[in-house]
N, C-alpha and C. Protein backbone atom coordinates (compact mmCIF):
# COMPACT_ATOMS: atom_id res chain seq x y z
N MET A 1 -67.54 -65.12 -18.27
CA MET A 1 -66.72 -65.73 -19.23
C MET A 1 -65.59 -65.81 -18.37
N ARG A 2 -64.52 -66.59 -18.65
CA ARG A 2 -63.30 -66.60 -18.20
C ARG A 2 -62.24 -67.03 -19.24
N VAL A 3 -60.66 -66.71 -19.02
CA VAL A 3 -59.89 -66.13 -19.95
C VAL A 3 -58.59 -66.93 -19.24
N ARG A 4 -57.77 -68.23 -20.16
CA ARG A 4 -56.48 -68.25 -19.60
C ARG A 4 -55.94 -68.54 -20.61
N TYR A 5 -54.63 -68.62 -20.40
CA TYR A 5 -53.67 -68.91 -21.27
C TYR A 5 -53.92 -70.13 -21.87
N ARG A 6 -53.24 -70.38 -23.36
CA ARG A 6 -53.27 -71.61 -23.86
C ARG A 6 -51.38 -72.35 -23.54
N SER A 7 -51.68 -73.22 -22.76
CA SER A 7 -50.24 -74.28 -22.39
C SER A 7 -49.79 -74.80 -23.45
N SER A 8 -48.64 -74.48 -24.25
CA SER A 8 -48.08 -75.85 -25.10
C SER A 8 -47.04 -76.68 -23.90
N TYR A 9 -47.16 -77.06 -22.54
CA TYR A 9 -46.45 -77.97 -22.32
C TYR A 9 -46.70 -79.71 -22.38
N GLY A 10 -45.70 -79.79 -22.83
CA GLY A 10 -46.23 -81.46 -23.72
C GLY A 10 -45.60 -82.37 -22.18
N SER A 11 -46.10 -83.41 -22.93
CA SER A 11 -45.36 -84.59 -22.35
C SER A 11 -43.61 -84.90 -22.00
N GLY A 12 -43.19 -86.21 -21.79
CA GLY A 12 -42.33 -86.17 -21.59
C GLY A 12 -41.36 -85.68 -20.61
N ILE A 13 -40.22 -85.58 -20.59
CA ILE A 13 -39.31 -85.66 -19.62
C ILE A 13 -38.65 -83.91 -19.70
N SER A 14 -39.53 -83.67 -18.15
CA SER A 14 -39.21 -81.87 -17.81
C SER A 14 -37.70 -81.28 -17.96
N PRO A 15 -38.10 -80.05 -18.93
CA PRO A 15 -36.64 -79.78 -19.24
C PRO A 15 -36.06 -79.08 -18.22
N ILE A 16 -36.89 -78.90 -16.78
CA ILE A 16 -36.45 -78.48 -15.08
C ILE A 16 -35.87 -79.55 -14.75
N LEU A 17 -36.46 -81.08 -14.83
CA LEU A 17 -35.79 -82.17 -14.21
C LEU A 17 -34.47 -82.67 -14.78
N VAL A 18 -34.21 -82.17 -16.16
CA VAL A 18 -32.99 -82.44 -16.89
C VAL A 18 -31.42 -81.10 -16.54
N LEU A 19 -32.59 -79.84 -16.51
CA LEU A 19 -31.38 -79.11 -15.82
C LEU A 19 -30.90 -79.13 -14.57
N ILE A 20 -31.70 -80.01 -13.78
CA ILE A 20 -31.28 -79.94 -11.98
C ILE A 20 -30.47 -81.09 -12.31
N ILE A 21 -30.76 -82.02 -12.88
CA ILE A 21 -29.88 -83.38 -12.71
C ILE A 21 -28.43 -82.90 -13.52
N ILE A 22 -28.35 -81.67 -14.53
CA ILE A 22 -27.01 -81.44 -15.06
C ILE A 22 -25.87 -80.91 -14.06
N ASN A 23 -26.91 -80.08 -13.42
CA ASN A 23 -26.18 -79.48 -12.37
C ASN A 23 -25.72 -80.03 -11.00
N LEU A 24 -26.90 -80.72 -10.84
CA LEU A 24 -26.42 -81.73 -9.70
C LEU A 24 -25.12 -82.41 -9.65
N LEU A 25 -25.08 -82.84 -11.14
CA LEU A 25 -24.06 -84.14 -11.79
C LEU A 25 -22.75 -83.13 -11.26
N LEU A 26 -22.77 -81.93 -12.07
CA LEU A 26 -21.48 -81.11 -12.40
C LEU A 26 -20.89 -80.78 -10.96
N PHE A 27 -21.98 -80.70 -9.97
CA PHE A 27 -21.59 -80.44 -8.85
C PHE A 27 -20.63 -80.98 -7.84
N ILE A 28 -21.37 -82.63 -8.28
CA ILE A 28 -20.83 -83.81 -7.66
C ILE A 28 -19.12 -84.13 -8.39
N ILE A 29 -19.44 -83.99 -9.43
CA ILE A 29 -18.05 -84.32 -10.50
C ILE A 29 -16.89 -83.12 -9.82
N THR A 30 -17.21 -81.93 -10.16
CA THR A 30 -16.12 -80.96 -9.53
C THR A 30 -16.09 -81.13 -7.67
N SER A 31 -16.43 -81.14 -7.26
CA SER A 31 -16.20 -81.71 -6.05
C SER A 31 -15.07 -82.65 -5.49
N PHE A 32 -15.11 -83.45 -6.46
CA PHE A 32 -13.82 -84.32 -6.48
C PHE A 32 -13.12 -84.07 -7.34
N ALA A 33 -13.16 -83.50 -8.45
CA ALA A 33 -12.09 -83.34 -9.23
C ALA A 33 -11.87 -81.71 -9.77
N SER A 34 -11.65 -81.39 -8.62
CA SER A 34 -11.39 -79.92 -8.03
C SER A 34 -10.70 -78.90 -9.34
N SER A 35 -10.08 -79.70 -10.25
CA SER A 35 -8.96 -79.00 -11.06
C SER A 35 -9.70 -78.66 -12.23
N LEU A 36 -10.96 -79.17 -12.57
CA LEU A 36 -11.92 -78.74 -13.74
C LEU A 36 -12.77 -77.47 -13.46
N ARG A 37 -12.76 -76.55 -12.43
CA ARG A 37 -13.23 -76.15 -11.70
C ARG A 37 -13.24 -74.79 -12.66
N PRO A 38 -11.78 -74.06 -12.52
CA PRO A 38 -11.37 -72.55 -13.23
C PRO A 38 -11.19 -73.00 -14.73
N LEU A 39 -11.51 -74.28 -15.04
CA LEU A 39 -12.10 -74.30 -16.69
C LEU A 39 -13.47 -74.33 -17.34
N LEU A 40 -14.29 -74.46 -16.01
CA LEU A 40 -15.47 -74.16 -16.29
C LEU A 40 -16.11 -72.98 -15.77
N TRP A 41 -15.76 -72.35 -14.58
CA TRP A 41 -15.74 -70.90 -14.07
C TRP A 41 -15.55 -70.05 -15.26
N MET A 42 -16.77 -68.96 -14.93
CA MET A 42 -16.33 -67.83 -16.23
C MET A 42 -15.36 -66.61 -15.31
N TRP A 43 -14.18 -66.54 -16.30
CA TRP A 43 -13.19 -65.36 -15.89
C TRP A 43 -13.43 -64.31 -16.50
N PRO A 44 -13.65 -63.11 -16.72
CA PRO A 44 -14.39 -62.20 -17.29
C PRO A 44 -12.67 -61.83 -18.32
N VAL A 45 -11.69 -61.91 -17.44
CA VAL A 45 -10.41 -61.78 -18.17
C VAL A 45 -10.20 -62.29 -19.04
N ALA A 46 -10.41 -63.59 -19.27
CA ALA A 46 -10.22 -64.80 -19.73
C ALA A 46 -11.01 -65.52 -21.10
N ILE A 47 -12.34 -64.17 -21.12
CA ILE A 47 -13.46 -64.93 -21.74
C ILE A 47 -12.79 -65.08 -23.19
N LEU A 48 -12.19 -64.00 -23.74
CA LEU A 48 -12.18 -64.62 -25.24
C LEU A 48 -10.69 -65.68 -25.21
N SER A 49 -10.62 -66.23 -24.06
CA SER A 49 -9.76 -67.44 -24.41
C SER A 49 -10.12 -68.11 -24.09
N GLN A 50 -11.53 -68.45 -23.13
CA GLN A 50 -12.48 -69.69 -22.44
C GLN A 50 -14.09 -68.97 -22.61
N PRO A 51 -14.49 -68.96 -24.12
CA PRO A 51 -15.61 -68.67 -24.87
C PRO A 51 -16.93 -69.69 -24.33
N TRP A 52 -16.22 -70.81 -24.21
CA TRP A 52 -17.44 -71.49 -23.51
C TRP A 52 -17.69 -71.75 -21.89
N THR A 53 -17.40 -70.91 -21.30
CA THR A 53 -17.01 -70.33 -19.52
C THR A 53 -18.95 -70.00 -19.69
N ILE A 54 -19.08 -68.87 -20.81
CA ILE A 54 -19.92 -68.16 -20.66
C ILE A 54 -21.27 -69.06 -20.15
N LEU A 55 -21.43 -70.43 -20.72
CA LEU A 55 -22.36 -71.47 -20.82
C LEU A 55 -22.48 -72.50 -19.78
N THR A 56 -21.33 -72.57 -19.70
CA THR A 56 -20.79 -73.39 -18.32
C THR A 56 -20.80 -72.95 -16.84
N SER A 57 -20.38 -72.23 -17.00
CA SER A 57 -20.48 -71.49 -15.61
C SER A 57 -21.76 -71.23 -15.17
N MET A 58 -22.69 -71.15 -15.59
CA MET A 58 -24.22 -71.50 -15.21
C MET A 58 -24.51 -73.13 -14.68
N PHE A 59 -23.50 -73.67 -14.85
CA PHE A 59 -23.94 -75.12 -13.79
C PHE A 59 -22.79 -75.25 -13.31
N MET A 60 -22.70 -74.01 -12.81
CA MET A 60 -21.35 -74.83 -11.50
C MET A 60 -21.93 -73.64 -10.56
N HIS A 61 -21.34 -74.33 -9.44
CA HIS A 61 -21.94 -73.70 -7.95
C HIS A 61 -21.09 -73.98 -6.83
N GLY A 62 -20.80 -72.79 -5.77
CA GLY A 62 -20.16 -72.67 -4.80
C GLY A 62 -19.99 -73.56 -3.66
N GLY A 63 -20.75 -74.20 -3.86
CA GLY A 63 -21.20 -74.91 -2.29
C GLY A 63 -22.62 -75.64 -2.52
N PHE A 64 -23.02 -76.47 -1.13
CA PHE A 64 -23.82 -76.89 -1.27
C PHE A 64 -25.16 -75.94 -0.79
N TRP A 65 -25.34 -74.96 -0.14
CA TRP A 65 -26.22 -74.27 -0.34
C TRP A 65 -26.50 -73.20 -1.10
N HIS A 66 -25.65 -73.24 -2.35
CA HIS A 66 -25.65 -72.59 -3.42
C HIS A 66 -26.55 -72.99 -4.36
N ILE A 67 -26.40 -74.31 -4.43
CA ILE A 67 -26.58 -75.10 -5.56
C ILE A 67 -28.14 -75.74 -4.79
N PHE A 68 -28.34 -75.88 -3.30
CA PHE A 68 -29.93 -75.96 -2.89
C PHE A 68 -30.70 -74.69 -3.48
N ALA A 69 -30.14 -73.27 -2.71
CA ALA A 69 -31.02 -72.48 -3.09
C ALA A 69 -31.60 -72.50 -4.50
N ASN A 70 -30.51 -72.58 -5.71
CA ASN A 70 -31.19 -72.15 -7.02
C ASN A 70 -32.06 -73.42 -7.45
N MET A 71 -31.52 -74.61 -7.13
CA MET A 71 -32.37 -75.70 -7.81
C MET A 71 -34.06 -75.88 -7.16
N ILE A 72 -34.07 -75.49 -6.03
CA ILE A 72 -35.77 -75.30 -5.33
C ILE A 72 -36.31 -73.96 -6.15
N THR A 73 -35.63 -72.93 -6.15
CA THR A 73 -35.96 -72.15 -7.05
C THR A 73 -36.26 -71.84 -8.45
N LEU A 74 -35.27 -72.96 -9.00
CA LEU A 74 -35.88 -73.35 -10.31
C LEU A 74 -36.98 -73.72 -10.47
N TYR A 75 -36.96 -75.14 -9.76
CA TYR A 75 -38.30 -76.08 -9.39
C TYR A 75 -39.70 -75.15 -9.72
N PHE A 76 -40.09 -74.33 -8.45
CA PHE A 76 -41.10 -73.67 -8.31
C PHE A 76 -40.81 -72.88 -9.43
N PHE A 77 -40.59 -71.68 -10.04
CA PHE A 77 -39.96 -70.70 -10.68
C PHE A 77 -40.72 -71.44 -11.87
N GLY A 78 -39.65 -72.43 -12.10
CA GLY A 78 -39.61 -73.02 -13.53
C GLY A 78 -41.07 -73.76 -13.89
N ASN A 79 -41.55 -74.52 -12.78
CA ASN A 79 -42.82 -75.28 -13.13
C ASN A 79 -43.70 -73.81 -13.46
N SER A 80 -43.99 -72.73 -12.92
CA SER A 80 -44.54 -71.85 -12.80
C SER A 80 -44.56 -71.44 -14.61
N LEU A 81 -43.58 -71.06 -15.16
CA LEU A 81 -43.65 -70.39 -16.11
C LEU A 81 -43.70 -71.79 -17.20
N LEU A 82 -42.96 -72.47 -16.94
CA LEU A 82 -43.30 -73.83 -17.80
C LEU A 82 -44.73 -74.01 -18.40
N GLN A 83 -45.39 -73.76 -17.47
CA GLN A 83 -46.76 -74.31 -18.10
C GLN A 83 -47.48 -73.30 -18.53
N LEU A 84 -46.72 -72.12 -18.45
CA LEU A 84 -47.43 -70.74 -19.33
C LEU A 84 -47.19 -70.79 -20.56
N VAL A 85 -45.99 -71.24 -20.84
CA VAL A 85 -45.37 -70.52 -22.18
C VAL A 85 -44.63 -71.85 -22.95
N GLY A 86 -44.42 -73.37 -22.05
CA GLY A 86 -43.84 -74.30 -23.19
C GLY A 86 -42.48 -74.43 -22.75
N GLN A 87 -42.41 -75.56 -23.46
CA GLN A 87 -41.06 -75.47 -23.56
C GLN A 87 -39.68 -75.14 -24.54
N GLY A 88 -40.04 -74.59 -24.97
CA GLY A 88 -39.63 -73.75 -26.40
C GLY A 88 -39.25 -72.52 -25.60
N ARG A 89 -40.25 -71.48 -25.29
CA ARG A 89 -40.00 -70.27 -24.64
C ARG A 89 -39.11 -70.44 -23.19
N PHE A 90 -39.73 -71.81 -22.51
CA PHE A 90 -39.11 -71.87 -21.19
C PHE A 90 -37.39 -71.73 -21.19
N LEU A 91 -37.24 -72.63 -22.34
CA LEU A 91 -35.36 -72.33 -22.61
C LEU A 91 -35.24 -71.70 -23.09
N LEU A 92 -35.29 -70.59 -23.68
CA LEU A 92 -35.50 -69.23 -24.36
C LEU A 92 -35.30 -68.24 -23.48
N VAL A 93 -36.14 -68.56 -22.13
CA VAL A 93 -35.80 -67.06 -21.53
C VAL A 93 -34.76 -67.67 -20.08
N TYR A 94 -34.41 -68.80 -19.91
CA TYR A 94 -33.55 -69.74 -18.90
C TYR A 94 -32.00 -69.47 -19.89
N PHE A 95 -31.72 -69.92 -20.59
CA PHE A 95 -30.35 -69.42 -21.22
C PHE A 95 -30.28 -68.30 -22.01
N GLY A 96 -31.24 -68.04 -22.34
CA GLY A 96 -31.27 -66.13 -23.16
C GLY A 96 -30.77 -65.19 -21.94
N GLY A 97 -31.21 -65.56 -20.48
CA GLY A 97 -31.00 -64.93 -19.41
C GLY A 97 -29.95 -65.01 -18.77
N GLY A 98 -30.07 -66.55 -18.72
CA GLY A 98 -28.70 -66.93 -17.98
C GLY A 98 -27.02 -66.13 -18.86
N ILE A 99 -27.12 -66.64 -20.22
CA ILE A 99 -26.14 -65.58 -21.12
C ILE A 99 -26.18 -64.30 -21.13
N LEU A 100 -26.92 -63.75 -21.10
CA LEU A 100 -27.11 -62.03 -20.80
C LEU A 100 -26.58 -61.69 -19.54
N GLY A 101 -27.05 -62.30 -18.49
CA GLY A 101 -26.08 -62.30 -17.27
C GLY A 101 -24.84 -62.03 -17.04
N ASN A 102 -24.51 -63.17 -17.91
CA ASN A 102 -22.83 -63.23 -17.61
C ASN A 102 -22.61 -61.97 -18.53
N ILE A 103 -22.79 -61.77 -19.49
CA ILE A 103 -22.31 -60.53 -20.26
C ILE A 103 -22.47 -59.24 -19.36
N PHE A 104 -23.59 -59.46 -18.90
CA PHE A 104 -23.79 -57.86 -17.53
C PHE A 104 -22.28 -58.00 -16.72
N TYR A 105 -22.63 -59.40 -16.54
CA TYR A 105 -21.28 -59.43 -15.38
C TYR A 105 -19.71 -58.96 -16.18
N ILE A 106 -19.71 -59.28 -17.03
CA ILE A 106 -18.03 -59.29 -17.79
C ILE A 106 -18.45 -57.61 -17.96
N VAL A 107 -19.15 -56.74 -18.54
CA VAL A 107 -18.93 -55.45 -18.92
C VAL A 107 -19.17 -54.81 -18.00
N ILE A 108 -20.04 -55.09 -16.82
CA ILE A 108 -19.65 -54.30 -15.74
C ILE A 108 -18.41 -54.06 -14.69
N THR A 109 -18.00 -55.48 -14.93
CA THR A 109 -16.53 -55.73 -13.94
C THR A 109 -15.43 -54.91 -14.56
N PHE A 110 -15.74 -54.92 -15.90
CA PHE A 110 -14.06 -54.23 -17.04
C PHE A 110 -14.45 -53.10 -16.37
N LEU A 111 -16.19 -51.99 -16.59
CA LEU A 111 -16.30 -50.66 -16.17
C LEU A 111 -15.68 -50.55 -14.51
N GLY A 112 -16.00 -51.42 -13.84
CA GLY A 112 -15.46 -51.39 -12.21
C GLY A 112 -14.24 -51.08 -12.44
N GLU A 113 -13.59 -52.10 -13.06
CA GLU A 113 -11.69 -51.99 -13.16
C GLU A 113 -11.35 -50.62 -13.46
N ALA A 114 -11.98 -50.39 -14.40
CA ALA A 114 -11.61 -48.58 -15.31
C ALA A 114 -11.52 -47.86 -14.54
N SER A 115 -12.90 -48.01 -13.86
CA SER A 115 -13.33 -46.27 -13.29
C SER A 115 -12.58 -47.00 -11.49
N GLY A 116 -12.46 -47.55 -11.01
CA GLY A 116 -11.76 -48.20 -9.46
C GLY A 116 -13.71 -47.72 -8.96
N ILE A 117 -14.55 -47.98 -9.54
CA ILE A 117 -15.69 -47.91 -8.03
C ILE A 117 -15.69 -49.67 -8.10
N GLY A 118 -15.68 -50.01 -6.92
CA GLY A 118 -14.97 -51.48 -6.11
C GLY A 118 -16.64 -52.02 -6.37
N PHE A 119 -17.95 -51.36 -6.01
CA PHE A 119 -19.17 -51.75 -6.24
C PHE A 119 -19.65 -52.86 -7.54
N LEU A 120 -18.83 -52.21 -8.46
CA LEU A 120 -18.70 -52.56 -9.86
C LEU A 120 -18.43 -54.13 -10.08
N GLY A 121 -17.38 -54.10 -9.22
CA GLY A 121 -17.07 -55.61 -9.20
C GLY A 121 -15.14 -55.75 -10.14
N SER A 122 -14.94 -56.63 -10.32
CA SER A 122 -13.72 -56.94 -10.96
C SER A 122 -13.36 -57.84 -11.62
N PRO A 123 -12.69 -57.84 -12.77
CA PRO A 123 -13.21 -59.04 -14.08
C PRO A 123 -11.90 -59.95 -13.76
N PHE A 124 -11.27 -59.58 -12.74
CA PHE A 124 -10.34 -61.04 -12.11
C PHE A 124 -11.18 -61.75 -11.16
N VAL A 125 -12.29 -61.84 -10.84
CA VAL A 125 -13.40 -62.40 -10.04
C VAL A 125 -14.29 -63.46 -10.98
N PRO A 126 -14.04 -64.70 -10.75
CA PRO A 126 -14.75 -65.77 -11.62
C PRO A 126 -16.53 -65.44 -11.22
N VAL A 127 -17.45 -65.63 -12.02
CA VAL A 127 -18.87 -66.28 -11.51
C VAL A 127 -18.58 -67.34 -12.16
N VAL A 128 -19.97 -68.14 -10.62
CA VAL A 128 -20.69 -69.23 -10.95
C VAL A 128 -21.80 -69.34 -10.89
N GLY A 129 -22.54 -70.03 -11.42
CA GLY A 129 -24.64 -69.98 -10.81
C GLY A 129 -25.44 -70.12 -11.49
N ALA A 130 -26.74 -70.70 -11.45
CA ALA A 130 -27.38 -70.66 -12.54
C ALA A 130 -28.51 -68.91 -12.24
N SER A 131 -27.95 -68.67 -11.06
CA SER A 131 -28.90 -67.52 -10.45
C SER A 131 -29.64 -66.54 -12.19
N GLY A 132 -28.67 -66.09 -12.81
CA GLY A 132 -29.26 -65.19 -13.86
C GLY A 132 -29.93 -65.67 -14.29
N ALA A 133 -30.24 -66.81 -14.42
CA ALA A 133 -30.72 -67.59 -15.82
C ALA A 133 -32.42 -67.66 -14.87
N ILE A 134 -32.15 -67.97 -13.73
CA ILE A 134 -33.36 -68.07 -12.61
C ILE A 134 -33.84 -67.19 -12.57
N PHE A 135 -33.51 -65.80 -12.29
CA PHE A 135 -33.56 -64.35 -12.21
C PHE A 135 -34.56 -64.18 -13.89
N ALA A 136 -34.02 -64.55 -14.67
CA ALA A 136 -34.97 -64.39 -15.93
C ALA A 136 -36.23 -65.11 -16.07
N LEU A 137 -36.28 -66.38 -15.61
CA LEU A 137 -37.50 -66.64 -14.95
C LEU A 137 -38.40 -66.07 -14.30
N ALA A 138 -38.15 -65.74 -13.09
CA ALA A 138 -38.47 -64.68 -12.36
C ALA A 138 -39.09 -63.80 -13.13
N GLY A 139 -38.55 -63.03 -13.66
CA GLY A 139 -38.96 -61.59 -14.61
C GLY A 139 -39.69 -61.95 -15.53
N ALA A 140 -40.02 -63.10 -15.81
CA ALA A 140 -40.62 -63.33 -17.15
C ALA A 140 -42.50 -63.56 -16.38
N LEU A 141 -42.07 -64.30 -15.15
CA LEU A 141 -43.50 -64.61 -14.27
C LEU A 141 -43.48 -63.01 -14.09
N VAL A 142 -42.95 -62.54 -13.61
CA VAL A 142 -43.56 -60.86 -12.91
C VAL A 142 -44.32 -60.54 -13.91
N PHE A 143 -43.89 -60.31 -15.41
CA PHE A 143 -44.54 -59.71 -16.32
C PHE A 143 -46.45 -60.50 -15.98
N MET A 144 -45.68 -61.75 -16.17
CA MET A 144 -47.02 -62.73 -16.88
C MET A 144 -48.10 -62.78 -15.85
N ARG A 145 -47.55 -63.22 -14.27
CA ARG A 145 -48.36 -63.38 -13.31
C ARG A 145 -47.92 -62.42 -11.70
N PRO A 146 -47.94 -61.32 -11.85
CA PRO A 146 -47.64 -60.24 -10.87
C PRO A 146 -48.41 -60.72 -9.56
N LYS A 147 -49.53 -61.04 -9.62
CA LYS A 147 -49.98 -60.59 -8.04
C LYS A 147 -49.89 -62.37 -7.62
N LEU A 148 -49.07 -63.36 -8.26
CA LEU A 148 -49.01 -64.74 -7.74
C LEU A 148 -48.73 -64.69 -6.67
N PRO A 149 -49.20 -65.56 -5.42
CA PRO A 149 -48.66 -65.81 -3.94
C PRO A 149 -47.71 -66.31 -3.51
N VAL A 150 -46.36 -65.99 -3.28
CA VAL A 150 -45.72 -67.05 -3.13
C VAL A 150 -44.91 -66.66 -1.10
N LEU A 151 -44.09 -67.79 -0.73
CA LEU A 151 -43.92 -67.54 0.69
C LEU A 151 -42.23 -67.46 0.76
N ILE A 152 -42.20 -66.45 1.48
CA ILE A 152 -40.89 -65.84 1.20
C ILE A 152 -40.58 -66.35 2.82
N PHE A 153 -39.65 -67.38 3.26
CA PHE A 153 -38.85 -66.80 4.87
C PHE A 153 -38.20 -65.73 5.00
N PRO A 154 -38.43 -65.44 6.03
CA PRO A 154 -39.36 -65.70 7.09
C PRO A 154 -40.80 -65.23 7.37
N ILE A 155 -41.25 -64.61 6.47
CA ILE A 155 -42.29 -63.81 6.34
C ILE A 155 -43.25 -64.88 6.10
N PRO A 156 -44.27 -64.84 7.56
CA PRO A 156 -45.21 -65.71 7.66
C PRO A 156 -46.54 -65.98 6.91
N VAL A 157 -46.67 -64.53 5.93
CA VAL A 157 -48.02 -64.58 4.86
C VAL A 157 -47.58 -64.72 3.47
N PRO A 158 -48.18 -64.99 2.63
CA PRO A 158 -47.59 -64.85 1.34
C PRO A 158 -47.52 -63.85 0.52
N VAL A 159 -46.73 -63.34 -0.09
CA VAL A 159 -46.95 -61.70 -0.98
C VAL A 159 -46.44 -61.89 -2.28
N PRO A 160 -47.20 -61.01 -2.98
CA PRO A 160 -47.38 -61.02 -4.29
C PRO A 160 -45.92 -61.11 -4.95
N LEU A 161 -45.78 -61.97 -6.37
CA LEU A 161 -44.46 -62.11 -6.71
C LEU A 161 -43.67 -61.42 -6.97
N TRP A 162 -44.27 -60.09 -7.75
CA TRP A 162 -43.44 -59.10 -8.38
C TRP A 162 -42.43 -58.72 -6.57
N ILE A 163 -43.52 -58.35 -5.77
CA ILE A 163 -42.53 -58.09 -4.80
C ILE A 163 -41.66 -58.64 -4.06
N ALA A 164 -41.66 -60.18 -4.07
CA ALA A 164 -40.84 -60.88 -3.65
C ALA A 164 -39.47 -61.29 -4.78
N VAL A 165 -39.87 -60.93 -6.23
CA VAL A 165 -38.66 -61.01 -7.24
C VAL A 165 -38.01 -59.77 -6.96
N LEU A 166 -38.40 -58.86 -6.58
CA LEU A 166 -37.88 -57.50 -6.95
C LEU A 166 -37.29 -57.09 -5.74
N GLY A 167 -37.95 -57.42 -4.41
CA GLY A 167 -37.01 -57.33 -3.04
C GLY A 167 -36.01 -58.36 -3.00
N GLY A 168 -36.53 -59.54 -3.72
CA GLY A 168 -35.06 -60.33 -3.35
C GLY A 168 -33.87 -59.95 -4.07
N PHE A 169 -34.19 -59.37 -5.14
CA PHE A 169 -32.88 -58.93 -6.24
C PHE A 169 -32.35 -57.28 -5.30
N LEU A 170 -33.04 -56.88 -4.72
CA LEU A 170 -32.72 -55.54 -3.94
C LEU A 170 -31.63 -55.95 -2.79
N ILE A 171 -32.15 -56.89 -1.72
CA ILE A 171 -31.40 -57.40 -0.80
C ILE A 171 -30.43 -58.01 -1.29
N LEU A 172 -30.52 -59.18 -2.26
CA LEU A 172 -29.12 -59.90 -2.33
C LEU A 172 -27.74 -58.97 -2.93
N SER A 173 -28.47 -57.75 -3.75
CA SER A 173 -27.70 -57.03 -4.19
C SER A 173 -26.60 -56.20 -3.39
N PHE A 174 -27.21 -56.66 -2.27
CA PHE A 174 -26.22 -56.08 -1.47
C PHE A 174 -25.42 -56.82 -0.13
N LEU A 175 -25.99 -58.09 -0.86
CA LEU A 175 -24.66 -59.39 0.40
C LEU A 175 -23.70 -59.37 -0.46
N PRO A 176 -22.29 -59.60 0.60
CA PRO A 176 -21.26 -60.11 -0.11
C PRO A 176 -20.99 -61.26 -1.24
N TYR A 177 -20.31 -61.46 -2.27
CA TYR A 177 -20.10 -62.42 -3.07
C TYR A 177 -20.97 -62.72 -3.97
N VAL A 178 -21.64 -62.08 -3.94
CA VAL A 178 -23.39 -61.86 -5.21
C VAL A 178 -23.02 -61.43 -6.05
N ALA A 179 -23.24 -62.09 -7.67
CA ALA A 179 -22.66 -61.31 -8.55
C ALA A 179 -24.32 -60.84 -8.98
N TRP A 180 -24.61 -59.72 -8.57
CA TRP A 180 -25.66 -59.07 -8.72
C TRP A 180 -25.51 -58.46 -9.80
N GLN A 181 -24.49 -58.48 -10.98
CA GLN A 181 -24.46 -58.34 -12.21
C GLN A 181 -25.05 -58.56 -12.75
N ALA A 182 -25.22 -60.14 -12.84
CA ALA A 182 -25.40 -61.57 -13.55
C ALA A 182 -27.00 -61.44 -13.15
N HIS A 183 -27.16 -61.29 -12.01
CA HIS A 183 -28.77 -61.30 -11.57
C HIS A 183 -29.36 -59.84 -12.20
N LEU A 184 -28.95 -58.92 -12.60
CA LEU A 184 -29.40 -57.50 -13.13
C LEU A 184 -29.75 -57.89 -14.52
N GLY A 185 -28.84 -58.93 -15.21
CA GLY A 185 -28.87 -59.25 -16.54
C GLY A 185 -29.87 -59.84 -16.80
N GLY A 186 -29.91 -61.02 -15.90
CA GLY A 186 -30.80 -62.03 -15.87
C GLY A 186 -32.66 -61.67 -16.12
N LEU A 187 -32.30 -60.35 -14.71
CA LEU A 187 -34.10 -60.01 -14.58
C LEU A 187 -34.22 -59.05 -15.67
N LEU A 188 -33.42 -58.00 -15.82
CA LEU A 188 -34.27 -57.69 -17.53
C LEU A 188 -34.35 -58.09 -18.70
N PHE A 189 -34.09 -58.99 -18.83
CA PHE A 189 -34.12 -60.04 -20.18
C PHE A 189 -35.43 -61.09 -19.77
N GLY A 190 -35.67 -61.83 -18.40
CA GLY A 190 -36.64 -62.16 -18.10
C GLY A 190 -38.33 -61.07 -18.75
N LEU A 191 -37.86 -59.94 -18.07
CA LEU A 191 -38.98 -58.85 -17.87
C LEU A 191 -39.50 -58.49 -19.46
N ALA A 192 -38.33 -58.58 -20.31
CA ALA A 192 -38.64 -57.86 -21.42
C ALA A 192 -39.15 -59.26 -22.26
N PHE A 193 -39.33 -60.55 -22.17
CA PHE A 193 -39.81 -61.15 -22.53
C PHE A 193 -40.59 -61.64 -22.00
N GLY A 194 -41.09 -61.61 -20.40
CA GLY A 194 -42.46 -61.68 -20.06
C GLY A 194 -43.67 -60.51 -20.54
N TYR A 195 -42.97 -59.31 -21.16
CA TYR A 195 -43.72 -58.58 -21.22
C TYR A 195 -44.19 -58.80 -22.85
N ILE A 196 -43.38 -59.49 -23.62
CA ILE A 196 -43.62 -60.09 -25.18
C ILE A 196 -44.48 -61.28 -24.90
N PHE A 197 -44.23 -62.15 -24.28
CA PHE A 197 -45.29 -63.43 -23.97
C PHE A 197 -46.74 -63.07 -23.94
N LYS A 198 -46.48 -61.94 -22.57
CA LYS A 198 -48.20 -61.45 -22.63
C LYS A 198 -48.88 -60.82 -23.34
N ARG A 199 -47.86 -59.99 -24.06
CA ARG A 199 -48.60 -59.26 -25.46
C ARG A 199 -49.24 -60.29 -26.23
N ARG A 200 -48.59 -61.58 -26.66
CA ARG A 200 -48.05 -62.42 -28.07
C ARG A 200 -49.37 -63.61 -27.66
N SER A 201 -49.54 -63.83 -26.07
CA SER A 201 -50.02 -65.05 -25.61
C SER A 201 -51.59 -65.23 -26.53
N ARG A 202 -51.80 -66.76 -26.98
CA ARG A 202 -53.42 -66.44 -27.19
C ARG A 202 -54.08 -66.62 -26.34
N TYR A 203 -55.24 -66.99 -26.73
CA TYR A 203 -56.13 -66.91 -25.61
C TYR A 203 -57.39 -68.02 -25.57
N ILE A 204 -58.01 -69.11 -25.06
CA ILE A 204 -58.65 -69.66 -25.17
C ILE A 204 -60.22 -69.12 -24.41
N PHE A 205 -60.81 -68.88 -24.74
CA PHE A 205 -62.56 -68.41 -24.40
C PHE A 205 -63.52 -69.50 -23.87
N PHE A 206 -63.74 -69.48 -22.85
CA PHE A 206 -65.09 -70.62 -22.46
C PHE A 206 -65.48 -69.90 -21.60
C-alpha cells in the first residue's frame, strides 16, 4: 500500500508566475524611477505613517543578484509546495510568512535600538526582498518533505532539504546587509504551518 498527499493544485495561471512577474516589473520600474523606492521600502521607524510597506517591501529588491536568487528559489521551493498544498494554502504561507517576517524585523530592530545590541539591527535601516516569504515556503516544505534531496552550490552531491534550509538560514544570518530577522519570522511561520498541513492532510490510499 502506498500513500500520497491529495493535491489541490489546479489549472490556470500559476500564482508563482504571477509573483515572479510582479517582482520583476517593480524591479524594472524602480530601477528607472528610483524616487519610488523609499515609498515602497519598509522603514520600521515609519511603519505607522507608511503601513502599506509591510506588504510592498516584499516585492522590492536591492539589486540584480538579490532578485535573481530570490526568484530562482521561489520557483523551485514554490512549485514543490504548491503541488502539495494547493494555491490557497501556498498563498497563505507566502504572504503570511512575508508579513510575519517583516513584523519580526520591526520588533527586533526596535529592541536592538533600545538595548544597544548592534546585531539586532536598527529601525532606521529599511528592509526589502521576498526572502521572508520564501523562507516560509522552505519551512513548510521542511516539515512536509524533510528528506527531499536538493543541490546547493558548491556542494557536489544532494543534501536533505532540512539541512539545506536550516544551514542556509544560519549562514545567511551572519552575512552583512542580510535581514536575518525577516528570515527568522518567515521560517518560523512556515515551520508552524508545515506542521499543521502535515497533520491535517487528507490521504489517498491505493
